[in-house]
Amino acid sequence: MDTARISKIGLVWVTIVWTVCYLAFGLIPGLASTILPYLLHLDVGGVENVFTIGNFAVGLVIWNLIVLVGILLAGALSNLIE
């Protein structure tokens, strides 16, 4: 498994998905309060829509780190379990 290549692909993928979702939730009023209870499996009550460049950047960094750690873990396990 080429972990470096898979990591790059995963990071590009999560960047695209994060951008599309952020724009959708920011541009379509009421989408968050309609969809979040189904995504989170709980009642989120009133959801405040705070869409800023800072929030976008922080979320993007956090999700890229989560995906990178997952891919590196999968690569390490793939190399250990052959």
PDB file of N, CA and C in Angstrom:
ATOM      1  N   MET A   1       0.853  -1.181   0.000  1.00  0.00           N
ATOM      2  CA  MET A   1       0.000   0.000   0.000  1.00  0.00           C
ATOM      3  C   MET A   1       0.893   1.237   0.000  1.00  0.00           C
ATOM      4  N   ASP A   2       0.675   2.109  -0.939  1.00  0.00           N
ATOM      5  CA  ASP A   2       1.423   3.354  -1.017  1.00  0.00           C
ATOM      6  C   ASP A   2       0.718   4.383  -0.131  1.00  0.00           C
ATOM      7  N   THR A   3       1.128   4.436   1.137  1.00  0.00           N
ATOM      8  CA  THR A   3       0.451   5.271   2.116  1.00  0.00           C
ATOM      9  C   THR A   3       0.507   6.751   1.753  1.00  0.00           C
ATOM     10  N   ALA A   4       1.614   7.221   1.218  1.00  0.00           N
ATOM     11  CA  ALA A   4       1.735   8.634   0.853  1.00  0.00           C
ATOM     12  C   ALA A   4       0.727   9.009  -0.232  1.00  0.00           C
ATOM     13  N   ARG A   5       0.600   8.169  -1.240  1.00  0.00           N
ATOM     14  CA  ARG A   5      -0.347   8.448  -2.330  1.00  0.00           C
ATOM     15  C   ARG A   5      -1.788   8.402  -1.842  1.00  0.00           C
ATOM     16  N   ILE A   6      -2.110   7.391  -1.050  1.00  0.00           N
ATOM     17  CA  ILE A   6      -3.458   7.265  -0.506  1.00  0.00           C
ATOM     18  C   ILE A   6      -3.768   8.445   0.410  1.00  0.00           C
ATOM     19  N   SER A   7      -2.781   8.915   1.175  1.00  0.00           N
ATOM     20  CA  SER A   7      -2.977  10.074   2.048  1.00  0.00           C
ATOM     21  C   SER A   7      -3.323  11.308   1.238  1.00  0.00           C
ATOM     22  N   LYS A   8      -2.603  11.532   0.153  1.00  0.00           N
ATOM     23  CA  LYS A   8      -2.885  12.694  -0.704  1.00  0.00           C
ATOM     24  C   LYS A   8      -4.289  12.617  -1.288  1.00  0.00           C
ATOM     25  N   ILE A   9      -4.668  11.444  -1.762  1.00  0.00           N
ATOM     26  CA  ILE A   9      -6.008  11.261  -2.333  1.00  0.00           C
ATOM     27  C   ILE A   9      -7.075  11.508  -1.269  1.00  0.00           C
ATOM     28  N   GLY A  10      -6.872  10.969  -0.083  1.00  0.00           N
ATOM     29  CA  GLY A  10      -7.831  11.155   1.008  1.00  0.00           C
ATOM     30  C   GLY A  10      -7.966  12.607   1.417  1.00  0.00           C
ATOM     31  N   LEU A  11      -6.844  13.323   1.476  1.00  0.00           N
ATOM     32  CA  LEU A  11      -6.887  14.728   1.873  1.00  0.00           C
ATOM     33  C   LEU A  11      -7.579  15.593   0.820  1.00  0.00           C
ATOM     34  N   VAL A  12      -7.346  15.291  -0.446  1.00  0.00           N
ATOM     35  CA  VAL A  12      -8.041  16.032  -1.506  1.00  0.00           C
ATOM     36  C   VAL A  12      -9.539  15.730  -1.434  1.00  0.00           C
ATOM     37  N   TRP A  13      -9.890  14.471  -1.228  1.00  0.00           N
ATOM     38  CA  TRP A  13     -11.294  14.083  -1.156  1.00  0.00           C
ATOM     39  C   TRP A  13     -12.000  14.794  -0.011  1.00  0.00           C
ATOM     40  N   VAL A  14     -11.420  14.782   1.187  1.00  0.00           N
ATOM     41  CA  VAL A  14     -12.084  15.413   2.335  1.00  0.00           C
ATOM     42  C   VAL A  14     -12.154  16.926   2.156  1.00  0.00           C
ATOM     43  N   THR A  15     -11.187  17.516   1.480  1.00  0.00           N
ATOM     44  CA  THR A  15     -11.233  18.954   1.201  1.00  0.00           C
ATOM     45  C   THR A  15     -12.405  19.290   0.284  1.00  0.00           C
ATOM     46  N   ILE A  16     -12.613  18.488  -0.739  1.00  0.00           N
ATOM     47  CA  ILE A  16     -13.736  18.708  -1.654  1.00  0.00           C
ATOM     48  C   ILE A  16     -15.065  18.535  -0.922  1.00  0.00           C
ATOM     49  N   VAL A  17     -15.203  17.459  -0.167  1.00  0.00           N
ATOM     50  CA  VAL A  17     -16.450  17.183   0.537  1.00  0.00           C
ATOM     51  C   VAL A  17     -16.733  18.273   1.573  1.00  0.00           C
ATOM     52  N   TRP A  18     -15.714  18.683   2.341  1.00  0.00           N
ATOM     53  CA  TRP A  18     -15.893  19.727   3.355  1.00  0.00           C
ATOM     54  C   TRP A  18     -16.342  21.036   2.699  1.00  0.00           C
ATOM     55  N   THR A  19     -15.736  21.401   1.590  1.00  0.00           N
ATOM     56  CA  THR A  19     -16.077  22.645   0.903  1.00  0.00           C
ATOM     57  C   THR A  19     -17.511  22.614   0.392  1.00  0.00           C
ATOM     58  N   VAL A  20     -17.899  21.525  -0.244  1.00  0.00           N
ATOM     59  CA  VAL A  20     -19.267  21.406  -0.774  1.00  0.00           C
ATOM     60  C   VAL A  20     -20.288  21.453   0.368  1.00  0.00           C
ATOM     61  N   CYS A  21     -20.047  20.709   1.433  1.00  0.00           N
ATOM     62  CA  CYS A  21     -20.986  20.693   2.561  1.00  0.00           C
ATOM     63  C   CYS A  21     -21.058  22.056   3.239  1.00  0.00           C
ATOM     64  N   TYR A  22     -19.921  22.698   3.433  1.00  0.00           N
ATOM     65  CA  TYR A  22     -19.895  24.010   4.078  1.00  0.00           C
ATOM     66  C   TYR A  22     -20.681  25.021   3.258  1.00  0.00           C
ATOM     67  N   LEU A  23     -20.484  24.999   1.954  1.00  0.00           N
ATOM     68  CA  LEU A  23     -21.226  25.911   1.080  1.00  0.00           C
ATOM     69  C   LEU A  23     -22.719  25.594   1.085  1.00  0.00           C
ATOM     70  N   ALA A  24     -23.068  24.320   1.054  1.00  0.00           N
ATOM     71  CA  ALA A  24     -24.483  23.931   1.058  1.00  0.00           C
ATOM     72  C   ALA A  24     -25.164  24.403   2.338  1.00  0.00           C
ATOM     73  N   PHE A  25     -24.556  24.141   3.492  1.00  0.00           N
ATOM     74  CA  PHE A  25     -25.149  24.541   4.765  1.00  0.00           C
ATOM     75  C   PHE A  25     -25.172  26.059   4.908  1.00  0.00           C
ATOM     76  N   GLY A  26     -24.205  26.743   4.307  1.00  0.00           N
ATOM     77  CA  GLY A  26     -24.165  28.196   4.391  1.00  0.00           C
ATOM     78  C   GLY A  26     -25.116  28.897   3.453  1.00  0.00           C
ATOM     79  N   LEU A  27     -25.357  28.308   2.290  1.00  0.00           N
ATOM     80  CA  LEU A  27     -26.161  28.973   1.269  1.00  0.00           C
ATOM     81  C   LEU A  27     -27.638  28.579   1.272  1.00  0.00           C
ATOM     82  N   ILE A  28     -27.965  27.441   1.857  1.00  0.00           N
ATOM     83  CA  ILE A  28     -29.355  26.977   1.866  1.00  0.00           C
ATOM     84  C   ILE A  28     -29.925  27.156   3.279  1.00  0.00           C
ATOM     85  N   PRO A  29     -30.771  28.152   3.460  1.00  0.00           N
ATOM     86  CA  PRO A  29     -31.324  28.410   4.792  1.00  0.00           C
ATOM     87  C   PRO A  29     -32.156  27.224   5.293  1.00  0.00           C
ATOM     88  N   GLY A  30     -31.990  26.893   6.557  1.00  0.00           N
ATOM     89  CA  GLY A  30     -32.766  25.819   7.166  1.00  0.00           C
ATOM     90  C   GLY A  30     -32.253  24.423   6.909  1.00  0.00           C
ATOM     91  N   LEU A  31     -31.218  24.289   6.113  1.00  0.00           N
ATOM     92  CA  LEU A  31     -30.704  22.951   5.801  1.00  0.00           C
ATOM     93  C   LEU A  31     -30.137  22.267   7.046  1.00  0.00           C
ATOM     94  N   ALA A  32     -29.424  23.016   7.860  1.00  0.00           N
ATOM     95  CA  ALA A  32     -28.815  22.425   9.059  1.00  0.00           C
ATOM     96  C   ALA A  32     -29.871  21.883  10.011  1.00  0.00           C
ATOM     97  N   SER A  33     -30.901  22.666  10.287  1.00  0.00           N
ATOM     98  CA  SER A  33     -31.929  22.209  11.229  1.00  0.00           C
ATOM     99  C   SER A  33     -32.759  21.060  10.655  1.00  0.00           C
ATOM    100  N   THR A  34     -32.778  20.919   9.338  1.00  0.00           N
ATOM    101  CA  THR A  34     -33.518  19.831   8.705  1.00  0.00           C
ATOM    102  C   THR A  34     -32.706  18.538   8.667  1.00  0.00           C
ATOM    103  N   ILE A  35     -31.422  18.620   8.357  1.00  0.00           N
ATOM    104  CA  ILE A  35     -30.606  17.431   8.119  1.00  0.00           C
ATOM    105  C   ILE A  35     -29.840  16.947   9.355  1.00  0.00           C
ATOM    106  N   LEU A  36     -29.381  17.861  10.216  1.00  0.00           N
ATOM    107  CA  LEU A  36     -28.539  17.452  11.343  1.00  0.00           C
ATOM    108  C   LEU A  36     -29.177  16.411  12.268  1.00  0.00           C
ATOM    109  N   PRO A  37     -30.482  16.480  12.570  1.00  0.00           N
ATOM    110  CA  PRO A  37     -31.037  15.412  13.421  1.00  0.00           C
ATOM    111  C   PRO A  37     -30.882  14.017  12.812  1.00  0.00           C
ATOM    112  N   TYR A  38     -30.924  13.907  11.494  1.00  0.00           N
ATOM    113  CA  TYR A  38     -30.750  12.604  10.840  1.00  0.00           C
ATOM    114  C   TYR A  38     -29.283  12.189  10.809  1.00  0.00           C
ATOM    115  N   LEU A  39     -28.393  13.151  10.619  1.00  0.00           N
ATOM    116  CA  LEU A  39     -26.963  12.831  10.582  1.00  0.00           C
ATOM    117  C   LEU A  39     -26.414  12.475  11.954  1.00  0.00           C
ATOM    118  N   LEU A  40     -26.881  13.178  12.989  1.00  0.00           N
ATOM    119  CA  LEU A  40     -26.354  12.983  14.340  1.00  0.00           C
ATOM    120  C   LEU A  40     -27.188  12.033  15.188  1.00  0.00           C
ATOM    121  N   HIS A  41     -28.379  11.673  14.707  1.00  0.00           N
ATOM    122  CA  HIS A  41     -29.297  10.788  15.414  1.00  0.00           C
ATOM    123  C   HIS A  41     -29.724  11.356  16.766  1.00  0.00           C
ATOM    124  N   LEU A  42     -29.872  12.672  16.830  1.00  0.00           N
ATOM    125  CA  LEU A  42     -30.377  13.313  18.033  1.00  0.00           C
ATOM    126  C   LEU A  42     -30.942  14.674  17.670  1.00  0.00           C
ATOM    127  N   ASP A  43     -31.774  15.199  18.575  1.00  0.00           N
ATOM    128  CA  ASP A  43     -32.381  16.508  18.345  1.00  0.00           C
ATOM    129  C   ASP A  43     -31.366  17.574  18.737  1.00  0.00           C
ATOM    130  N   VAL A  44     -30.958  18.383  17.780  1.00  0.00           N
ATOM    131  CA  VAL A  44     -29.949  19.400  18.045  1.00  0.00           C
ATOM    132  C   VAL A  44     -30.551  20.735  18.461  1.00  0.00           C
ATOM    133  N   GLY A  45     -31.870  20.827  18.465  1.00  0.00           N
ATOM    134  CA  GLY A  45     -32.526  22.076  18.848  1.00  0.00           C
ATOM    135  C   GLY A  45     -32.228  23.171  17.839  1.00  0.00           C
ATOM    136  N   GLY A  46     -32.210  24.396  18.325  1.00  0.00           N
ATOM    137  CA  GLY A  46     -31.904  25.520  17.447  1.00  0.00           C
ATOM    138  C   GLY A  46     -30.424  25.557  17.103  1.00  0.00           C
ATOM    139  N   VAL A  47     -30.112  25.489  15.842  1.00  0.00           N
ATOM    140  CA  VAL A  47     -28.715  25.503  15.396  1.00  0.00           C
ATOM    141  C   VAL A  47     -28.390  26.885  14.869  1.00  0.00           C
ATOM    142  N   GLU A  48     -27.389  27.497  15.459  1.00  0.00           N
ATOM    143  CA  GLU A  48     -26.973  28.823  15.007  1.00  0.00           C
ATOM    144  C   GLU A  48     -26.047  28.671  13.807  1.00  0.00           C
ATOM    145  N   ASN A  49     -26.338  29.385  12.754  1.00  0.00           N
ATOM    146  CA  ASN A  49     -25.512  29.340  11.553  1.00  0.00           C
ATOM    147  C   ASN A  49     -24.448  30.420  11.628  1.00  0.00           C
ATOM    148  N   VAL A  50     -23.227  30.014  11.901  1.00  0.00           N
ATOM    149  CA  VAL A  50     -22.107  30.938  11.939  1.00  0.00           C
ATOM    150  C   VAL A  50     -21.122  30.477  10.872  1.00  0.00           C
ATOM    151  N   PHE A  51     -21.144  31.148   9.745  1.00  0.00           N
ATOM    152  CA  PHE A  51     -20.290  30.769   8.631  1.00  0.00           C
ATOM    153  C   PHE A  51     -19.289  31.879   8.376  1.00  0.00           C
ATOM    154  N   THR A  52     -18.031  31.589   8.711  1.00  0.00           N
ATOM    155  CA  THR A  52     -16.950  32.544   8.485  1.00  0.00           C
ATOM    156  C   THR A  52     -15.788  31.815   7.827  1.00  0.00           C
ATOM    157  N   ILE A  53     -14.877  32.581   7.302  1.00  0.00           N
ATOM    158  CA  ILE A  53     -13.671  31.988   6.713  1.00  0.00           C
ATOM    159  C   ILE A  53     -12.872  31.249   7.787  1.00  0.00           C
ATOM    160  N   GLY A  54     -12.833  31.803   8.996  1.00  0.00           N
ATOM    161  CA  GLY A  54     -12.119  31.152  10.096  1.00  0.00           C
ATOM    162  C   GLY A  54     -12.708  29.807  10.450  1.00  0.00           C
ATOM    163  N   ASN A  55     -14.045  29.747  10.557  1.00  0.00           N
ATOM    164  CA  ASN A  55     -14.705  28.471  10.849  1.00  0.00           C
ATOM    165  C   ASN A  55     -14.460  27.460   9.739  1.00  0.00           C
ATOM    166  N   PHE A  56     -14.493  27.941   8.499  1.00  0.00           N
ATOM    167  CA  PHE A  56     -14.228  27.056   7.364  1.00  0.00           C
ATOM    168  C   PHE A  56     -12.815  26.481   7.457  1.00  0.00           C
ATOM    169  N   ALA A  57     -11.830  27.342   7.704  1.00  0.00           N
ATOM    170  CA  ALA A  57     -10.430  26.909   7.749  1.00  0.00           C
ATOM    171  C   ALA A  57     -10.179  25.946   8.908  1.00  0.00           C
ATOM    172  N   VAL A  58     -10.716  26.252  10.079  1.00  0.00           N
ATOM    173  CA  VAL A  58     -10.511  25.373  11.244  1.00  0.00           C
ATOM    174  C   VAL A  58     -11.151  24.011  11.005  1.00  0.00           C
ATOM    175  N   GLY A  59     -12.368  23.989  10.486  1.00  0.00           N
ATOM    176  CA  GLY A  59     -13.021  22.714  10.185  1.00  0.00           C
ATOM    177  C   GLY A  59     -12.260  21.918   9.145  1.00  0.00           C
ATOM    178  N   LEU A  60     -11.755  22.622   8.141  1.00  0.00           N
ATOM    179  CA  LEU A  60     -10.987  21.953   7.092  1.00  0.00           C
ATOM    180  C   LEU A  60      -9.724  21.312   7.666  1.00  0.00           C
ATOM    181  N   VAL A  61      -9.024  22.029   8.515  1.00  0.00           N
ATOM    182  CA  VAL A  61      -7.809  21.486   9.128  1.00  0.00           C
ATOM    183  C   VAL A  61      -8.145  20.288  10.011  1.00  0.00           C
ATOM    184  N   ILE A  62      -9.171  20.418  10.837  1.00  0.00           N
ATOM    185  CA  ILE A  62      -9.545  19.318  11.742  1.00  0.00           C
ATOM    186  C   ILE A  62      -9.921  18.068  10.958  1.00  0.00           C
ATOM    187  N   TRP A  63     -10.761  18.200   9.933  1.00  0.00           N
ATOM    188  CA  TRP A  63     -11.183  17.026   9.162  1.00  0.00           C
ATOM    189  C   TRP A  63     -10.034  16.438   8.357  1.00  0.00           C
ATOM    190  N   ASN A  64      -9.123  17.273   7.870  1.00  0.00           N
ATOM    191  CA  ASN A  64      -7.956  16.738   7.167  1.00  0.00           C
ATOM    192  C   ASN A  64      -7.069  15.951   8.121  1.00  0.00           C
ATOM    193  N   LEU A  65      -6.911  16.432   9.346  1.00  0.00           N
ATOM    194  CA  LEU A  65      -6.105  15.700  10.332  1.00  0.00           C
ATOM    195  C   LEU A  65      -6.757  14.362  10.691  1.00  0.00           C
ATOM    196  N   ILE A  66      -8.077  14.370  10.868  1.00  0.00           N
ATOM    197  CA  ILE A  66      -8.784  13.125  11.195  1.00  0.00           C
ATOM    198  C   ILE A  66      -8.610  12.100  10.067  1.00  0.00           C
ATOM    199  N   VAL A  67      -8.785  12.536   8.824  1.00  0.00           N
ATOM    200  CA  VAL A  67      -8.647  11.629   7.686  1.00  0.00           C
ATOM    201  C   VAL A  67      -7.206  11.155   7.549  1.00  0.00           C
ATOM    202  N   LEU A  68      -6.243  12.040   7.729  1.00  0.00           N
ATOM    203  CA  LEU A  68      -4.839  11.656   7.623  1.00  0.00           C
ATOM    204  C   LEU A  68      -4.470  10.600   8.658  1.00  0.00           C
ATOM    205  N   VAL A  69      -4.905  10.793   9.898  1.00  0.00           N
ATOM    206  CA  VAL A  69      -4.619   9.809  10.943  1.00  0.00           C
ATOM    207  C   VAL A  69      -5.262   8.468  10.597  1.00  0.00           C
ATOM    208  N   GLY A  70      -6.489   8.498  10.098  1.00  0.00           N
ATOM    209  CA  GLY A  70      -7.157   7.257   9.708  1.00  0.00           C
ATOM    210  C   GLY A  70      -6.427   6.535   8.589  1.00  0.00           C
ATOM    211  N   ILE A  71      -5.971   7.288   7.591  1.00  0.00           N
ATOM    212  CA  ILE A  71      -5.257   6.678   6.468  1.00  0.00           C
ATOM    213  C   ILE A  71      -3.909   6.130   6.917  1.00  0.00           C
ATOM    214  N   LEU A  72      -3.199   6.879   7.754  1.00  0.00           N
ATOM    215  CA  LEU A  72      -1.907   6.393   8.251  1.00  0.00           C
ATOM    216  C   LEU A  72      -2.083   5.134   9.104  1.00  0.00           C
ATOM    217  N   LEU A  73      -3.144   5.099   9.892  1.00  0.00           N
ATOM    218  CA  LEU A  73      -3.427   3.907  10.684  1.00  0.00           C
ATOM    219  C   LEU A  73      -3.737   2.711   9.770  1.00  0.00           C
ATOM    220  N   ALA A  74      -4.538   2.946   8.738  1.00  0.00           N
ATOM    221  CA  ALA A  74      -4.860   1.871   7.803  1.00  0.00           C
ATOM    222  C   ALA A  74      -3.599   1.397   7.078  1.00  0.00           C
ATOM    223  N   GLY A  75      -2.719   2.325   6.708  1.00  0.00           N
ATOM    224  CA  GLY A  75      -1.463   1.947   6.052  1.00  0.00           C
ATOM    225  C   GLY A  75      -0.562   1.137   6.964  1.00  0.00           C
ATOM    226  N   ALA A  76      -0.474   1.549   8.226  1.00  0.00           N
ATOM    227  CA  ALA A  76       0.354   0.820   9.199  1.00  0.00           C
ATOM    228  C   ALA A  76      -0.207  -0.584   9.435  1.00  0.00           C
ATOM    229  N   LEU A  77      -1.516  -0.673   9.571  1.00  0.00           N
ATOM    230  CA  LEU A  77      -2.129  -1.991   9.769  1.00  0.00           C
ATOM    231  C   LEU A  77      -1.974  -2.861   8.526  1.00  0.00           C
ATOM    232  N   SER A  78      -2.055  -2.255   7.354  1.00  0.00           N
ATOM    233  CA  SER A  78      -1.887  -3.009   6.119  1.00  0.00           C
ATOM    234  C   SER A  78      -0.472  -3.574   6.011  1.00  0.00           C
ATOM    235  N   ASN A  79       0.509  -2.802   6.448  1.00  0.00           N
ATOM    236  CA  ASN A  79       1.895  -3.284   6.400  1.00  0.00           C
ATOM    237  C   ASN A  79       2.166  -4.341   7.465  1.00  0.00           C
ATOM    238  N   LEU A  80       1.461  -4.259   8.598  1.00  0.00           N
ATOM    239  CA  LEU A  80       1.654  -5.243   9.664  1.00  0.00           C
ATOM    240  C   LEU A  80       0.946  -6.562   9.377  1.00  0.00           C
ATOM    241  N   ILE A  81      -0.223  -6.469   8.763  1.00  0.00           N
ATOM    242  CA  ILE A  81      -1.041  -7.665   8.523  1.00  0.00           C
ATOM    243  C   ILE A  81      -0.980  -7.984   7.038  1.00  0.00           C
ATOM    244  N   GLU A  82      -0.041  -8.815   6.683  1.00  0.00           N
ATOM    245  CA  GLU A  82       0.120  -9.169   5.261  1.00  0.00           C
ATOM    246  C   GLU A  82      -0.203 -10.613   5.021  1.00  0.00           C
TER     247      GLU A  82
END
